[in-house]
Amino acid sequence: MTILQGCAQCLDSTRATPPTVQAAYRHAIILLASAGATLFIAGTLLLRRQR
């Protein structure tokens, strides 16, 4: 996976991390995004039900 945005310093520090840590970061991002999406969808469904 290639990082397309960010400053040069961040890009260099990300490339210096081991591949296992990079994979852990990617999994954490997916986990956090899915948790947020789940909460949003559940809240939307609950609000629509109460109408």
N, C-alpha and C. Protein backbone atom coordinates (compact mmCIF):
# COMPACT_ATOMS: atom_id res chain seq x y z
N MET A 1 0.85 -1.17 0.00
CA MET A 1 0.00 0.00 0.00
C MET A 1 0.90 1.23 0.00
N THR A 2 0.62 2.15 -0.87
CA THR A 2 1.40 3.36 -1.00
C THR A 2 0.68 4.51 -0.34
N ILE A 3 1.43 5.31 0.42
CA ILE A 3 0.85 6.49 1.04
C ILE A 3 0.96 7.64 0.05
N LEU A 4 -0.17 8.25 -0.25
CA LEU A 4 -0.19 9.30 -1.26
C LEU A 4 -0.20 10.70 -0.67
N GLN A 5 -0.56 10.83 0.59
CA GLN A 5 -0.64 12.15 1.19
C GLN A 5 0.25 12.21 2.41
N GLY A 6 0.60 13.42 2.81
CA GLY A 6 1.38 13.61 4.02
C GLY A 6 2.69 14.30 3.74
N CYS A 7 3.31 14.74 4.80
CA CYS A 7 4.58 15.44 4.66
C CYS A 7 5.73 14.45 4.44
N ALA A 8 6.85 14.95 4.00
CA ALA A 8 8.00 14.09 3.72
C ALA A 8 8.52 13.42 4.98
N GLN A 9 8.48 14.14 6.09
CA GLN A 9 8.96 13.58 7.36
C GLN A 9 8.08 12.40 7.79
N CYS A 10 6.77 12.55 7.67
CA CYS A 10 5.87 11.45 8.03
C CYS A 10 6.06 10.26 7.08
N LEU A 11 6.24 10.56 5.81
CA LEU A 11 6.44 9.50 4.83
C LEU A 11 7.72 8.72 5.13
N ASP A 12 8.80 9.43 5.48
CA ASP A 12 10.05 8.75 5.82
C ASP A 12 9.90 7.90 7.07
N SER A 13 9.22 8.42 8.08
CA SER A 13 9.07 7.65 9.32
C SER A 13 8.16 6.44 9.10
N THR A 14 7.18 6.57 8.23
CA THR A 14 6.31 5.43 7.95
C THR A 14 7.06 4.35 7.18
N ARG A 15 7.88 4.74 6.25
CA ARG A 15 8.66 3.75 5.50
C ARG A 15 9.69 3.05 6.39
N ALA A 16 10.10 3.71 7.48
CA ALA A 16 11.11 3.12 8.36
C ALA A 16 10.50 2.09 9.30
N THR A 17 9.18 2.07 9.46
CA THR A 17 8.56 1.10 10.36
C THR A 17 8.53 -0.27 9.70
N PRO A 18 8.63 -1.32 10.50
CA PRO A 18 8.60 -2.68 9.94
C PRO A 18 7.25 -2.98 9.29
N PRO A 19 7.25 -3.88 8.32
CA PRO A 19 6.00 -4.23 7.62
C PRO A 19 4.91 -4.75 8.56
N THR A 20 5.29 -5.44 9.62
CA THR A 20 4.27 -5.95 10.55
C THR A 20 3.57 -4.81 11.28
N VAL A 21 4.32 -3.76 11.60
CA VAL A 21 3.72 -2.60 12.27
C VAL A 21 2.82 -1.85 11.29
N GLN A 22 3.25 -1.74 10.05
CA GLN A 22 2.42 -1.09 9.04
C GLN A 22 1.10 -1.85 8.85
N ALA A 23 1.18 -3.18 8.86
CA ALA A 23 -0.03 -3.99 8.73
C ALA A 23 -0.94 -3.79 9.95
N ALA A 24 -0.35 -3.68 11.12
CA ALA A 24 -1.14 -3.44 12.34
C ALA A 24 -1.83 -2.08 12.26
N TYR A 25 -1.15 -1.07 11.74
CA TYR A 25 -1.76 0.25 11.57
C TYR A 25 -2.95 0.17 10.62
N ARG A 26 -2.78 -0.55 9.52
CA ARG A 26 -3.87 -0.67 8.56
C ARG A 26 -5.08 -1.38 9.17
N HIS A 27 -4.82 -2.44 9.95
CA HIS A 27 -5.92 -3.14 10.60
C HIS A 27 -6.61 -2.26 11.64
N ALA A 28 -5.83 -1.47 12.36
CA ALA A 28 -6.41 -0.58 13.36
C ALA A 28 -7.28 0.49 12.70
N ILE A 29 -6.84 1.02 11.58
CA ILE A 29 -7.63 2.02 10.87
C ILE A 29 -8.95 1.43 10.40
N ILE A 30 -8.91 0.22 9.86
CA ILE A 30 -10.14 -0.44 9.41
C ILE A 30 -11.06 -0.71 10.59
N LEU A 31 -10.50 -1.16 11.72
CA LEU A 31 -11.30 -1.44 12.90
C LEU A 31 -11.97 -0.17 13.42
N LEU A 32 -11.22 0.92 13.52
CA LEU A 32 -11.79 2.17 14.02
C LEU A 32 -12.84 2.73 13.07
N ALA A 33 -12.58 2.65 11.77
CA ALA A 33 -13.55 3.15 10.80
C ALA A 33 -14.83 2.32 10.83
N SER A 34 -14.71 1.01 10.95
CA SER A 34 -15.91 0.17 10.98
C SER A 34 -16.69 0.38 12.28
N ALA A 35 -16.00 0.60 13.38
CA ALA A 35 -16.70 0.88 14.64
C ALA A 35 -17.48 2.19 14.54
N GLY A 36 -16.85 3.21 13.98
CA GLY A 36 -17.54 4.49 13.80
C GLY A 36 -18.73 4.37 12.87
N ALA A 37 -18.55 3.65 11.77
CA ALA A 37 -19.65 3.46 10.82
C ALA A 37 -20.79 2.68 11.46
N THR A 38 -20.48 1.68 12.26
CA THR A 38 -21.50 0.89 12.93
C THR A 38 -22.30 1.76 13.90
N LEU A 39 -21.61 2.59 14.68
CA LEU A 39 -22.31 3.48 15.59
C LEU A 39 -23.19 4.48 14.85
N PHE A 40 -22.70 5.00 13.75
CA PHE A 40 -23.48 5.95 12.96
C PHE A 40 -24.73 5.29 12.40
N ILE A 41 -24.58 4.12 11.83
CA ILE A 41 -25.72 3.41 11.24
C ILE A 41 -26.73 3.03 12.32
N ALA A 42 -26.23 2.52 13.45
CA ALA A 42 -27.14 2.15 14.54
C ALA A 42 -27.88 3.38 15.07
N GLY A 43 -27.21 4.49 15.23
CA GLY A 43 -27.87 5.71 15.68
C GLY A 43 -28.90 6.20 14.69
N THR A 44 -28.57 6.14 13.41
CA THR A 44 -29.51 6.56 12.38
C THR A 44 -30.75 5.67 12.38
N LEU A 45 -30.55 4.37 12.50
CA LEU A 45 -31.70 3.45 12.53
C LEU A 45 -32.56 3.67 13.77
N LEU A 46 -31.94 3.91 14.90
CA LEU A 46 -32.71 4.16 16.12
C LEU A 46 -33.51 5.46 16.02
N LEU A 47 -32.92 6.48 15.46
CA LEU A 47 -33.63 7.76 15.32
C LEU A 47 -34.78 7.64 14.33
N ARG A 48 -34.59 6.90 13.26
CA ARG A 48 -35.65 6.73 12.27
C ARG A 48 -36.81 5.90 12.84
N ARG A 49 -36.50 4.96 13.73
CA ARG A 49 -37.54 4.11 14.33
C ARG A 49 -38.45 4.90 15.26
N GLN A 50 -37.88 5.91 15.92
CA GLN A 50 -38.65 6.65 16.91
C GLN A 50 -39.62 7.63 16.27
N ARG A 51 -39.51 7.90 15.00
CA ARG A 51 -40.42 8.85 14.35
C ARG A 51 -41.79 8.32 14.20
